[in-house]
Amino acid sequence: MTVAVIGAGNIGSRLARRLAEGGVDVLLAAEDRGHAESVAQSIGNGVKAVDVSNAVANGDEVIFATWFATTKDLLAEYKPQLVGKIVIDPSNNMAFDESGNVSSLNPEGVSAAQQLAPLVPQGAWYVKAFGTLSADMLDARVTDAGEWPVLFYAADDEEAGNVVADLITKAGFDPVRAGGIEATARIEVFGDLHPFGGLNGRLVDRAEALQLIQS
């Protein structure tokens, strides 16, 4: 299994590291090839820096660790090449003001995932994952209680969801499915299952996560 991580910023670099530590072959790509090479070298563990087209072509799963608008553009640009692949989307559609305050750019009642999932070509599968924790929380190894931290994901296709759940496990997190794409607002920024939303900055373990999903 080879995972392509597009984007080598706060999210992409951490995901590449965690996946590589779990034994996953990672292709890391970014608009700035030199930056991707620097990050890949710092991670080691066989992470290989390539250009974006190479990563999309050779990744079995493609994680778009990019800003929402960039992800939209990349889904359009590489639509034919994504057929047969699992598209994994960590993005949150948000903006920061001069004071650092965060606001949502989504239309009322519509998640980022509900806008991006229809852009994935027929014959590919969309899964929301890896953006349901803040970037710094992707460095976490355990909860305060010493349990594996939960990383929520959402998928309409059960088989694709299971593949991503395996990647989440390899990255050192406990995967919990929040539901299908209709549930993605809950695990995006401001949602009740996101640390910046209803979790008040906390990591949760599996027992609490399963209770929260039912609430």
Protein backbone atom coordinates (compact mmCIF):
# COMPACT_ATOMS: atom_id res chain seq x y z
CA MET A 1 0.00 0.00 0.00
CA THR A 2 1.31 3.41 -0.99
CA VAL A 3 -0.25 6.61 0.30
CA ALA A 4 0.18 9.92 -1.48
CA VAL A 5 0.15 12.95 0.80
CA ILE A 6 -0.39 16.16 -1.15
CA GLY A 7 0.73 19.08 0.96
CA ALA A 8 3.72 19.31 3.29
CA GLY A 9 2.49 21.90 5.74
CA ASN A 10 1.26 21.51 9.33
CA ILE A 11 -1.13 18.69 8.50
CA GLY A 12 0.64 16.96 5.63
CA SER A 13 4.04 16.78 7.29
CA ARG A 14 2.58 15.29 10.46
CA LEU A 15 0.50 12.74 8.57
CA ALA A 16 3.49 11.69 6.48
CA ARG A 17 5.52 11.19 9.64
CA ARG A 18 2.85 9.24 11.53
CA LEU A 19 2.02 7.00 8.56
CA ALA A 20 5.69 6.30 7.84
CA GLU A 21 6.26 5.43 11.48
CA GLY A 22 3.43 2.91 11.10
CA GLY A 23 5.14 1.22 8.18
CA VAL A 24 3.19 2.85 5.35
CA ASP A 25 4.98 3.77 2.13
CA VAL A 26 4.46 7.52 1.69
CA LEU A 27 4.84 9.73 -1.36
CA LEU A 28 4.98 13.36 -0.25
CA ALA A 29 4.25 16.15 -2.71
CA ALA A 30 3.76 19.89 -2.50
CA GLU A 31 3.63 22.88 -4.80
CA ASP A 32 7.16 23.65 -3.59
CA ARG A 33 9.05 20.46 -4.46
CA GLY A 34 12.08 21.63 -2.48
CA HIS A 35 10.00 21.99 0.66
CA ALA A 36 8.56 18.50 0.20
CA GLU A 37 12.07 17.11 -0.20
CA SER A 38 13.22 18.87 2.97
CA VAL A 39 10.28 17.52 4.97
CA ALA A 40 10.71 14.00 3.55
CA GLN A 41 14.40 14.04 4.46
CA SER A 42 13.62 15.16 8.01
CA ILE A 43 11.12 12.32 8.43
CA GLY A 44 13.14 9.53 6.86
CA ASN A 45 11.48 6.11 7.17
CA GLY A 46 11.35 5.80 3.40
CA VAL A 47 9.18 8.87 2.77
CA LYS A 48 9.82 9.88 -0.83
CA ALA A 49 9.33 13.41 -2.18
CA VAL A 50 7.81 13.52 -5.67
CA ASP A 51 5.85 15.98 -7.76
CA VAL A 52 2.08 16.12 -7.39
CA SER A 53 1.26 14.30 -10.62
CA ASN A 54 3.59 11.44 -9.66
CA ALA A 55 2.05 11.19 -6.22
CA VAL A 56 -1.51 11.08 -7.55
CA ALA A 57 -0.59 8.53 -10.21
CA ASN A 58 1.20 6.16 -7.82
CA GLY A 59 -0.71 6.50 -4.58
CA ASP A 60 -3.35 3.87 -3.80
CA GLU A 61 -4.90 6.42 -1.46
CA VAL A 62 -4.49 10.16 -1.95
CA ILE A 63 -4.65 12.51 1.04
CA PHE A 64 -5.21 16.12 0.01
CA ALA A 65 -3.66 17.92 2.99
CA THR A 66 -4.32 21.27 1.35
CA TRP A 67 -6.57 24.25 1.88
CA PHE A 68 -10.19 23.76 0.83
CA ALA A 69 -9.93 25.94 -2.30
CA THR A 70 -6.71 24.21 -3.36
CA THR A 71 -8.31 20.80 -2.87
CA LYS A 72 -11.17 21.84 -5.16
CA ASP A 73 -8.69 22.85 -7.84
CA LEU A 74 -6.66 19.65 -7.48
CA LEU A 75 -9.74 17.44 -7.65
CA ALA A 76 -10.64 19.10 -10.95
CA GLU A 77 -7.10 18.97 -12.33
CA TYR A 78 -6.48 15.31 -11.52
CA LYS A 79 -10.01 13.97 -11.89
CA PRO A 80 -9.17 11.26 -14.47
CA GLN A 81 -6.13 10.07 -12.50
CA LEU A 82 -8.18 9.65 -9.31
CA VAL A 83 -10.43 6.94 -10.73
CA GLY A 84 -9.93 3.72 -8.78
CA LYS A 85 -8.41 5.50 -5.78
CA ILE A 86 -9.57 6.47 -2.32
CA VAL A 87 -9.57 10.24 -1.88
CA ILE A 88 -9.00 11.28 1.73
CA ASP A 89 -9.92 14.84 2.67
CA PRO A 90 -8.74 16.49 5.92
CA SER A 91 -9.73 20.02 4.85
CA ASN A 92 -11.79 22.54 6.78
CA ASN A 93 -13.27 25.49 4.91
CA MET A 94 -12.35 28.37 7.20
CA ALA A 95 -10.66 31.74 7.41
CA PHE A 96 -8.60 33.61 9.99
CA ASP A 97 -8.99 37.29 10.75
CA GLU A 98 -6.20 39.67 11.81
CA SER A 99 -6.66 38.63 15.45
CA GLY A 100 -6.38 34.94 14.63
CA ASN A 101 -10.06 34.23 15.13
CA VAL A 102 -11.49 31.45 12.98
CA SER A 103 -14.70 31.63 10.98
CA SER A 104 -16.42 29.13 8.72
CA LEU A 105 -16.67 29.78 4.98
CA ASN A 106 -19.23 27.05 4.42
CA PRO A 107 -22.78 27.84 3.34
CA GLU A 108 -25.27 27.50 6.18
CA GLY A 109 -25.92 23.86 6.98
CA VAL A 110 -23.39 22.48 4.46
CA SER A 111 -20.05 20.92 5.45
CA ALA A 112 -16.81 21.20 3.50
CA ALA A 113 -17.06 17.48 2.77
CA GLN A 114 -20.53 17.85 1.29
CA GLN A 115 -19.06 20.35 -1.17
CA LEU A 116 -15.98 18.29 -2.07
CA ALA A 117 -17.39 14.76 -2.20
CA PRO A 118 -19.42 15.42 -5.39
CA LEU A 119 -16.22 16.54 -7.14
CA VAL A 120 -14.61 13.12 -6.73
CA PRO A 121 -14.95 11.19 -10.02
CA GLN A 122 -17.16 8.17 -10.45
CA GLY A 123 -15.05 5.11 -9.72
CA ALA A 124 -13.21 6.80 -6.84
CA TRP A 125 -14.21 6.90 -3.18
CA TYR A 126 -14.31 9.88 -0.82
CA VAL A 127 -13.50 9.63 2.88
CA LYS A 128 -13.31 12.50 5.37
CA ALA A 129 -10.41 11.91 7.77
CA PHE A 130 -7.26 13.27 9.37
CA GLY A 131 -8.65 16.81 9.67
CA THR A 132 -10.78 15.98 12.67
CA LEU A 133 -7.95 16.91 15.03
CA SER A 134 -5.98 20.13 15.06
CA ALA A 135 -2.48 19.96 13.56
CA ASP A 136 -0.71 19.93 16.91
CA MET A 137 -3.00 17.15 18.16
CA LEU A 138 -1.70 14.96 15.34
CA ASP A 139 1.47 14.74 17.44
CA ALA A 140 -0.45 13.20 20.35
CA ARG A 141 0.32 9.60 21.33
CA VAL A 142 -2.14 9.06 24.18
CA THR A 143 -5.06 10.77 25.88
CA ASP A 144 -4.76 12.14 29.42
CA ALA A 145 -6.00 8.74 30.60
CA GLY A 146 -3.26 6.92 28.70
CA GLU A 147 -5.55 5.55 25.95
CA TRP A 148 -5.05 5.77 22.20
CA PRO A 149 -6.65 9.03 21.01
CA VAL A 150 -9.63 8.66 18.73
CA LEU A 151 -9.52 10.05 15.22
CA PHE A 152 -13.01 10.29 13.73
CA TYR A 153 -13.69 9.64 10.06
CA ALA A 154 -16.75 9.61 7.81
CA ALA A 155 -17.46 7.55 4.72
CA ASP A 156 -20.46 6.47 2.69
CA ASP A 157 -18.63 3.44 1.32
CA GLU A 158 -17.92 0.91 4.07
CA GLU A 159 -14.99 -0.76 2.30
CA ALA A 160 -13.23 2.53 1.58
CA GLY A 161 -13.87 3.56 5.17
CA ASN A 162 -12.27 0.35 6.42
CA VAL A 163 -9.15 1.03 4.35
CA VAL A 164 -8.85 4.50 5.85
CA ALA A 165 -9.54 3.14 9.34
CA ASP A 166 -6.53 0.86 8.86
CA LEU A 167 -4.41 3.87 7.90
CA ILE A 168 -5.63 5.72 10.98
CA THR A 169 -4.58 2.75 13.12
CA LYS A 170 -1.17 2.60 11.47
CA ALA A 171 -0.77 6.31 12.20
CA GLY A 172 -1.25 5.57 15.90
CA PHE A 173 -4.86 6.62 16.43
CA ASP A 174 -8.06 4.75 17.25
CA PRO A 175 -10.45 5.05 14.25
CA VAL A 176 -14.12 5.70 14.97
CA ARG A 177 -16.63 6.17 12.14
CA ALA A 178 -18.92 9.11 12.82
CA GLY A 179 -21.24 8.11 9.97
CA GLY A 180 -21.52 8.88 6.29
CA ILE A 181 -20.90 12.15 4.48
CA GLU A 182 -24.06 13.57 6.03
CA ALA A 183 -22.30 13.41 9.42
CA THR A 184 -19.17 15.31 8.39
CA ALA A 185 -20.25 18.64 9.88
CA ARG A 186 -19.93 16.97 13.28
CA ILE A 187 -16.22 16.18 12.79
CA GLU A 188 -15.15 19.36 11.00
CA VAL A 189 -14.14 22.57 12.77
CA PHE A 190 -16.98 23.88 15.01
CA GLY A 191 -18.67 20.46 15.01
CA ASP A 192 -19.57 18.77 18.28
CA LEU A 193 -17.00 16.01 17.67
CA HIS A 194 -14.11 18.36 16.85
CA PRO A 195 -11.67 19.71 19.47
CA PHE A 196 -12.38 23.28 18.31
CA GLY A 197 -16.10 22.62 18.63
CA GLY A 198 -17.87 20.60 21.27
CA LEU A 199 -14.83 18.80 22.68
CA ASN A 200 -13.30 21.92 24.25
CA GLY A 201 -9.80 21.08 23.05
CA ARG A 202 -9.82 17.54 24.40
CA LEU A 203 -8.72 14.24 22.95
CA VAL A 204 -11.18 11.43 23.59
CA ASP A 205 -10.85 7.65 23.85
CA ARG A 206 -13.03 5.06 22.12
CA ALA A 207 -15.53 4.61 24.95
CA GLU A 208 -16.31 8.32 25.12
CA ALA A 209 -16.29 8.67 21.34
CA LEU A 210 -18.93 5.97 20.90
CA GLN A 211 -21.11 7.65 23.52
CA LEU A 212 -20.72 11.04 21.84
CA ILE A 213 -21.75 9.69 18.43
CA GLN A 214 -25.04 8.52 19.88
CA SER A 215 -25.76 11.81 21.65
